[in-house]
Amino acid sequence: MVEHTTVVHGITRNTTHQGGWVEYEPTGRAVVRCTCGLDSGVVAETQAVQIADDHRRTAAEARL
């Protein structure tokens, strides 16, 4: 049974060009969300990865 599903969503900037093609440019920002209700808000991608890792570790320790 999965108690927590933690996901890091990277935020991109979309630019539509002539001819209809779209360019997705990373912004370096992300959001961390978990099924337990965690929502980090918009933070730097490196911070988002750390938040997700810490949250997963804390959840795993709580199950022990």
PDB file of N, CA and C in Angstrom:
ATOM      1  N   MET A   1       0.834  -1.172   0.000  1.00  0.00           N
ATOM      2  CA  MET A   1       0.000   0.000   0.000  1.00  0.00           C
ATOM      3  C   MET A   1       0.885   1.244   0.000  1.00  0.00           C
ATOM      4  N   VAL A   2       0.609   2.198  -0.863  1.00  0.00           N
ATOM      5  CA  VAL A   2       1.355   3.448  -0.925  1.00  0.00           C
ATOM      6  C   VAL A   2       0.638   4.480  -0.071  1.00  0.00           C
ATOM      7  N   GLU A   3       1.324   4.948   0.973  1.00  0.00           N
ATOM      8  CA  GLU A   3       0.709   5.925   1.860  1.00  0.00           C
ATOM      9  C   GLU A   3       0.908   7.344   1.355  1.00  0.00           C
ATOM     10  N   HIS A   4       2.049   7.596   0.736  1.00  0.00           N
ATOM     11  CA  HIS A   4       2.356   8.929   0.232  1.00  0.00           C
ATOM     12  C   HIS A   4       2.857   8.818  -1.195  1.00  0.00           C
ATOM     13  N   THR A   5       2.407   9.698  -2.039  1.00  0.00           N
ATOM     14  CA  THR A   5       2.952   9.838  -3.377  1.00  0.00           C
ATOM     15  C   THR A   5       3.389  11.290  -3.499  1.00  0.00           C
ATOM     16  N   THR A   6       4.696  11.503  -3.491  1.00  0.00           N
ATOM     17  CA  THR A   6       5.251  12.852  -3.544  1.00  0.00           C
ATOM     18  C   THR A   6       5.772  13.105  -4.951  1.00  0.00           C
ATOM     19  N   VAL A   7       5.378  14.236  -5.531  1.00  0.00           N
ATOM     20  CA  VAL A   7       5.738  14.548  -6.907  1.00  0.00           C
ATOM     21  C   VAL A   7       6.326  15.958  -6.965  1.00  0.00           C
ATOM     22  N   VAL A   8       7.395  16.121  -7.750  1.00  0.00           N
ATOM     23  CA  VAL A   8       7.972  17.434  -8.020  1.00  0.00           C
ATOM     24  C   VAL A   8       7.550  17.827  -9.427  1.00  0.00           C
ATOM     25  N   HIS A   9       6.835  18.941  -9.548  1.00  0.00           N
ATOM     26  CA  HIS A   9       6.379  19.451 -10.844  1.00  0.00           C
ATOM     27  C   HIS A   9       7.298  20.592 -11.258  1.00  0.00           C
ATOM     28  N   GLY A  10       8.085  20.395 -12.331  1.00  0.00           N
ATOM     29  CA  GLY A  10       8.909  21.485 -12.850  1.00  0.00           C
ATOM     30  C   GLY A  10       8.034  22.496 -13.573  1.00  0.00           C
ATOM     31  N   ILE A  11       8.355  23.767 -13.461  1.00  0.00           N
ATOM     32  CA  ILE A  11       7.580  24.824 -14.107  1.00  0.00           C
ATOM     33  C   ILE A  11       8.324  25.285 -15.352  1.00  0.00           C
ATOM     34  N   THR A  12       7.623  25.340 -16.476  1.00  0.00           N
ATOM     35  CA  THR A  12       8.222  25.786 -17.726  1.00  0.00           C
ATOM     36  C   THR A  12       7.530  27.038 -18.236  1.00  0.00           C
ATOM     37  N   ARG A  13       8.231  27.729 -19.116  1.00  0.00           N
ATOM     38  CA  ARG A  13       7.679  28.898 -19.797  1.00  0.00           C
ATOM     39  C   ARG A  13       7.452  28.475 -21.246  1.00  0.00           C
ATOM     40  N   ASN A  14       6.233  28.641 -21.734  1.00  0.00           N
ATOM     41  CA  ASN A  14       5.889  28.217 -23.083  1.00  0.00           C
ATOM     42  C   ASN A  14       5.884  29.411 -24.032  1.00  0.00           C
ATOM     43  N   THR A  15       6.516  29.246 -25.191  1.00  0.00           N
ATOM     44  CA  THR A  15       6.521  30.273 -26.213  1.00  0.00           C
ATOM     45  C   THR A  15       6.022  29.652 -27.512  1.00  0.00           C
ATOM     46  N   THR A  16       4.959  30.216 -28.093  1.00  0.00           N
ATOM     47  CA  THR A  16       4.429  29.720 -29.356  1.00  0.00           C
ATOM     48  C   THR A  16       5.049  30.530 -30.488  1.00  0.00           C
ATOM     49  N   HIS A  17       5.557  29.824 -31.492  1.00  0.00           N
ATOM     50  CA  HIS A  17       6.222  30.459 -32.616  1.00  0.00           C
ATOM     51  C   HIS A  17       5.360  30.360 -33.873  1.00  0.00           C
ATOM     52  N   GLN A  18       5.748  31.117 -34.883  1.00  0.00           N
ATOM     53  CA  GLN A  18       5.037  31.032 -36.165  1.00  0.00           C
ATOM     54  C   GLN A  18       5.106  29.601 -36.663  1.00  0.00           C
ATOM     55  N   GLY A  19       4.044  29.152 -37.272  1.00  0.00           N
ATOM     56  CA  GLY A  19       3.979  27.774 -37.739  1.00  0.00           C
ATOM     57  C   GLY A  19       3.362  26.855 -36.700  1.00  0.00           C
ATOM     58  N   GLY A  20       3.115  27.372 -35.493  1.00  0.00           N
ATOM     59  CA  GLY A  20       2.410  26.599 -34.483  1.00  0.00           C
ATOM     60  C   GLY A  20       3.260  25.785 -33.535  1.00  0.00           C
ATOM     61  N   TRP A  21       4.596  25.752 -33.718  1.00  0.00           N
ATOM     62  CA  TRP A  21       5.393  24.941 -32.795  1.00  0.00           C
ATOM     63  C   TRP A  21       5.606  25.690 -31.491  1.00  0.00           C
ATOM     64  N   VAL A  22       5.715  24.924 -30.417  1.00  0.00           N
ATOM     65  CA  VAL A  22       5.812  25.490 -29.072  1.00  0.00           C
ATOM     66  C   VAL A  22       7.164  25.117 -28.465  1.00  0.00           C
ATOM     67  N   GLU A  23       7.796  26.093 -27.840  1.00  0.00           N
ATOM     68  CA  GLU A  23       9.068  25.884 -27.161  1.00  0.00           C
ATOM     69  C   GLU A  23       8.813  25.917 -25.653  1.00  0.00           C
ATOM     70  N   TYR A  24       9.304  24.906 -24.946  1.00  0.00           N
ATOM     71  CA  TYR A  24       9.164  24.820 -23.495  1.00  0.00           C
ATOM     72  C   TYR A  24      10.517  25.110 -22.870  1.00  0.00           C
ATOM     73  N   GLU A  25      10.610  26.204 -22.135  1.00  0.00           N
ATOM     74  CA  GLU A  25      11.858  26.625 -21.519  1.00  0.00           C
ATOM     75  C   GLU A  25      11.762  26.458 -20.002  1.00  0.00           C
ATOM     76  N   PRO A  26      12.678  25.684 -19.407  1.00  0.00           N
ATOM     77  CA  PRO A  26      12.649  25.520 -17.951  1.00  0.00           C
ATOM     78  C   PRO A  26      12.886  26.856 -17.247  1.00  0.00           C
ATOM     79  N   THR A  27      12.203  27.060 -16.132  1.00  0.00           N
ATOM     80  CA  THR A  27      12.343  28.307 -15.379  1.00  0.00           C
ATOM     81  C   THR A  27      13.248  28.148 -14.157  1.00  0.00           C
ATOM     82  N   GLY A  28      13.578  26.901 -13.809  1.00  0.00           N
ATOM     83  CA  GLY A  28      14.368  26.672 -12.606  1.00  0.00           C
ATOM     84  C   GLY A  28      13.522  26.683 -11.339  1.00  0.00           C
ATOM     85  N   ARG A  29      12.210  26.696 -11.500  1.00  0.00           N
ATOM     86  CA  ARG A  29      11.276  26.727 -10.367  1.00  0.00           C
ATOM     87  C   ARG A  29      10.432  25.449 -10.411  1.00  0.00           C
ATOM     88  N   ALA A  30       9.903  25.055  -9.262  1.00  0.00           N
ATOM     89  CA  ALA A  30       9.106  23.833  -9.178  1.00  0.00           C
ATOM     90  C   ALA A  30       8.162  23.908  -7.985  1.00  0.00           C
ATOM     91  N   VAL A  31       7.236  22.944  -7.939  1.00  0.00           N
ATOM     92  CA  VAL A  31       6.292  22.803  -6.839  1.00  0.00           C
ATOM     93  C   VAL A  31       6.341  21.351  -6.384  1.00  0.00           C
ATOM     94  N   VAL A  32       6.352  21.123  -5.071  1.00  0.00           N
ATOM     95  CA  VAL A  32       6.299  19.770  -4.508  1.00  0.00           C
ATOM     96  C   VAL A  32       4.899  19.558  -3.950  1.00  0.00           C
ATOM     97  N   ARG A  33       4.280  18.438  -4.353  1.00  0.00           N
ATOM     98  CA  ARG A  33       2.957  18.103  -3.827  1.00  0.00           C
ATOM     99  C   ARG A  33       2.950  16.637  -3.421  1.00  0.00           C
ATOM    100  N   CYS A  34       2.180  16.352  -2.361  1.00  0.00           N
ATOM    101  CA  CYS A  34       2.062  14.987  -1.856  1.00  0.00           C
ATOM    102  C   CYS A  34       0.599  14.688  -1.562  1.00  0.00           C
ATOM    103  N   THR A  35       0.231  13.421  -1.629  1.00  0.00           N
ATOM    104  CA  THR A  35      -1.136  13.015  -1.335  1.00  0.00           C
ATOM    105  C   THR A  35      -1.522  13.263   0.115  1.00  0.00           C
ATOM    106  N   CYS A  36      -0.542  13.505   0.989  1.00  0.00           N
ATOM    107  CA  CYS A  36      -0.840  13.781   2.399  1.00  0.00           C
ATOM    108  C   CYS A  36      -1.264  15.235   2.611  1.00  0.00           C
ATOM    109  N   GLY A  37      -1.135  16.070   1.576  1.00  0.00           N
ATOM    110  CA  GLY A  37      -1.524  17.472   1.691  1.00  0.00           C
ATOM    111  C   GLY A  37      -0.361  18.438   1.588  1.00  0.00           C
ATOM    112  N   LEU A  38       0.869  17.950   1.546  1.00  0.00           N
ATOM    113  CA  LEU A  38       2.031  18.825   1.399  1.00  0.00           C
ATOM    114  C   LEU A  38       1.943  19.583   0.083  1.00  0.00           C
ATOM    115  N   ASP A  39       2.138  20.898   0.127  1.00  0.00           N
ATOM    116  CA  ASP A  39       2.222  21.739  -1.065  1.00  0.00           C
ATOM    117  C   ASP A  39       3.244  22.813  -0.755  1.00  0.00           C
ATOM    118  N   SER A  40       4.404  22.738  -1.381  1.00  0.00           N
ATOM    119  CA  SER A  40       5.512  23.636  -1.052  1.00  0.00           C
ATOM    120  C   SER A  40       5.327  25.043  -1.584  1.00  0.00           C
ATOM    121  N   GLY A  41       4.423  25.222  -2.540  1.00  0.00           N
ATOM    122  CA  GLY A  41       4.378  26.501  -3.238  1.00  0.00           C
ATOM    123  C   GLY A  41       5.526  26.527  -4.236  1.00  0.00           C
ATOM    124  N   VAL A  42       5.707  27.621  -4.928  1.00  0.00           N
ATOM    125  CA  VAL A  42       6.753  27.722  -5.941  1.00  0.00           C
ATOM    126  C   VAL A  42       8.089  27.987  -5.250  1.00  0.00           C
ATOM    127  N   VAL A  43       9.056  27.083  -5.512  1.00  0.00           N
ATOM    128  CA  VAL A  43      10.405  27.200  -4.945  1.00  0.00           C
ATOM    129  C   VAL A  43      11.419  26.876  -6.042  1.00  0.00           C
ATOM    130  N   ALA A  44      12.704  27.092  -5.772  1.00  0.00           N
ATOM    131  CA  ALA A  44      13.761  26.712  -6.712  1.00  0.00           C
ATOM    132  C   ALA A  44      13.750  25.196  -6.896  1.00  0.00           C
ATOM    133  N   GLU A  45      14.093  24.733  -8.119  1.00  0.00           N
ATOM    134  CA  GLU A  45      14.072  23.288  -8.395  1.00  0.00           C
ATOM    135  C   GLU A  45      14.945  22.503  -7.429  1.00  0.00           C
ATOM    136  N   THR A  46      16.123  23.011  -7.123  1.00  0.00           N
ATOM    137  CA  THR A  46      17.017  22.297  -6.203  1.00  0.00           C
ATOM    138  C   THR A  46      16.407  22.190  -4.812  1.00  0.00           C
ATOM    139  N   GLN A  47      15.723  23.233  -4.384  1.00  0.00           N
ATOM    140  CA  GLN A  47      15.053  23.203  -3.085  1.00  0.00           C
ATOM    141  C   GLN A  47      13.877  22.226  -3.130  1.00  0.00           C
ATOM    142  N   ALA A  48      13.166  22.169  -4.251  1.00  0.00           N
ATOM    143  CA  ALA A  48      12.028  21.254  -4.391  1.00  0.00           C
ATOM    144  C   ALA A  48      12.477  19.806  -4.267  1.00  0.00           C
ATOM    145  N   VAL A  49      13.592  19.478  -4.885  1.00  0.00           N
ATOM    146  CA  VAL A  49      14.118  18.109  -4.798  1.00  0.00           C
ATOM    147  C   VAL A  49      14.470  17.779  -3.347  1.00  0.00           C
ATOM    148  N   GLN A  50      15.077  18.727  -2.636  1.00  0.00           N
ATOM    149  CA  GLN A  50      15.438  18.506  -1.232  1.00  0.00           C
ATOM    150  C   GLN A  50      14.191  18.340  -0.363  1.00  0.00           C
ATOM    151  N   ILE A  51      13.174  19.164  -0.605  1.00  0.00           N
ATOM    152  CA  ILE A  51      11.919  19.063   0.151  1.00  0.00           C
ATOM    153  C   ILE A  51      11.291  17.687  -0.068  1.00  0.00           C
ATOM    154  N   ALA A  52      11.254  17.230  -1.322  1.00  0.00           N
ATOM    155  CA  ALA A  52      10.667  15.926  -1.639  1.00  0.00           C
ATOM    156  C   ALA A  52      11.443  14.796  -0.971  1.00  0.00           C
ATOM    157  N   ASP A  53      12.780  14.852  -1.047  1.00  0.00           N
ATOM    158  CA  ASP A  53      13.600  13.818  -0.412  1.00  0.00           C
ATOM    159  C   ASP A  53      13.390  13.790   1.096  1.00  0.00           C
ATOM    160  N   ASP A  54      13.385  14.963   1.728  1.00  0.00           N
ATOM    161  CA  ASP A  54      13.177  15.042   3.173  1.00  0.00           C
ATOM    162  C   ASP A  54      11.797  14.507   3.558  1.00  0.00           C
ATOM    163  N   HIS A  55      10.799  14.845   2.760  1.00  0.00           N
ATOM    164  CA  HIS A  55       9.430  14.406   3.049  1.00  0.00           C
ATOM    165  C   HIS A  55       9.307  12.891   2.923  1.00  0.00           C
ATOM    166  N   ARG A  56       9.888  12.321   1.876  1.00  0.00           N
ATOM    167  CA  ARG A  56       9.852  10.858   1.696  1.00  0.00           C
ATOM    168  C   ARG A  56      10.556  10.159   2.852  1.00  0.00           C
ATOM    169  N   ARG A  57      11.718  10.694   3.252  1.00  0.00           N
ATOM    170  CA  ARG A  57      12.488  10.082   4.343  1.00  0.00           C
ATOM    171  C   ARG A  57      11.710  10.148   5.656  1.00  0.00           C
ATOM    172  N   THR A  58      11.105  11.303   5.943  1.00  0.00           N
ATOM    173  CA  THR A  58      10.317  11.470   7.158  1.00  0.00           C
ATOM    174  C   THR A  58       9.131  10.515   7.174  1.00  0.00           C
ATOM    175  N   ALA A  59       8.455  10.376   6.026  1.00  0.00           N
ATOM    176  CA  ALA A  59       7.303   9.474   5.938  1.00  0.00           C
ATOM    177  C   ALA A  59       7.741   8.030   6.139  1.00  0.00           C
ATOM    178  N   ALA A  60       8.905   7.657   5.575  1.00  0.00           N
ATOM    179  CA  ALA A  60       9.403   6.291   5.730  1.00  0.00           C
ATOM    180  C   ALA A  60       9.767   6.014   7.185  1.00  0.00           C
ATOM    181  N   GLU A  61      10.379   6.987   7.857  1.00  0.00           N
ATOM    182  CA  GLU A  61      10.743   6.817   9.264  1.00  0.00           C
ATOM    183  C   GLU A  61       9.524   6.698  10.147  1.00  0.00           C
ATOM    184  N   ALA A  62       8.457   7.416   9.810  1.00  0.00           N
ATOM    185  CA  ALA A  62       7.218   7.374  10.601  1.00  0.00           C
ATOM    186  C   ALA A  62       6.566   5.995  10.511  1.00  0.00           C
ATOM    187  N   ARG A  63       6.764   5.297   9.403  1.00  0.00           N
ATOM    188  CA  ARG A  63       6.158   3.966   9.237  1.00  0.00           C
ATOM    189  C   ARG A  63       6.888   2.906  10.040  1.00  0.00           C
ATOM    190  N   LEU A  64       8.119   3.185  10.468  1.00  0.00           N
ATOM    191  CA  LEU A  64       8.901   2.170  11.188  1.00  0.00           C
ATOM    192  C   LEU A  64       8.469   1.995  12.602  1.00  0.00           C
TER     193      LEU A  64
END
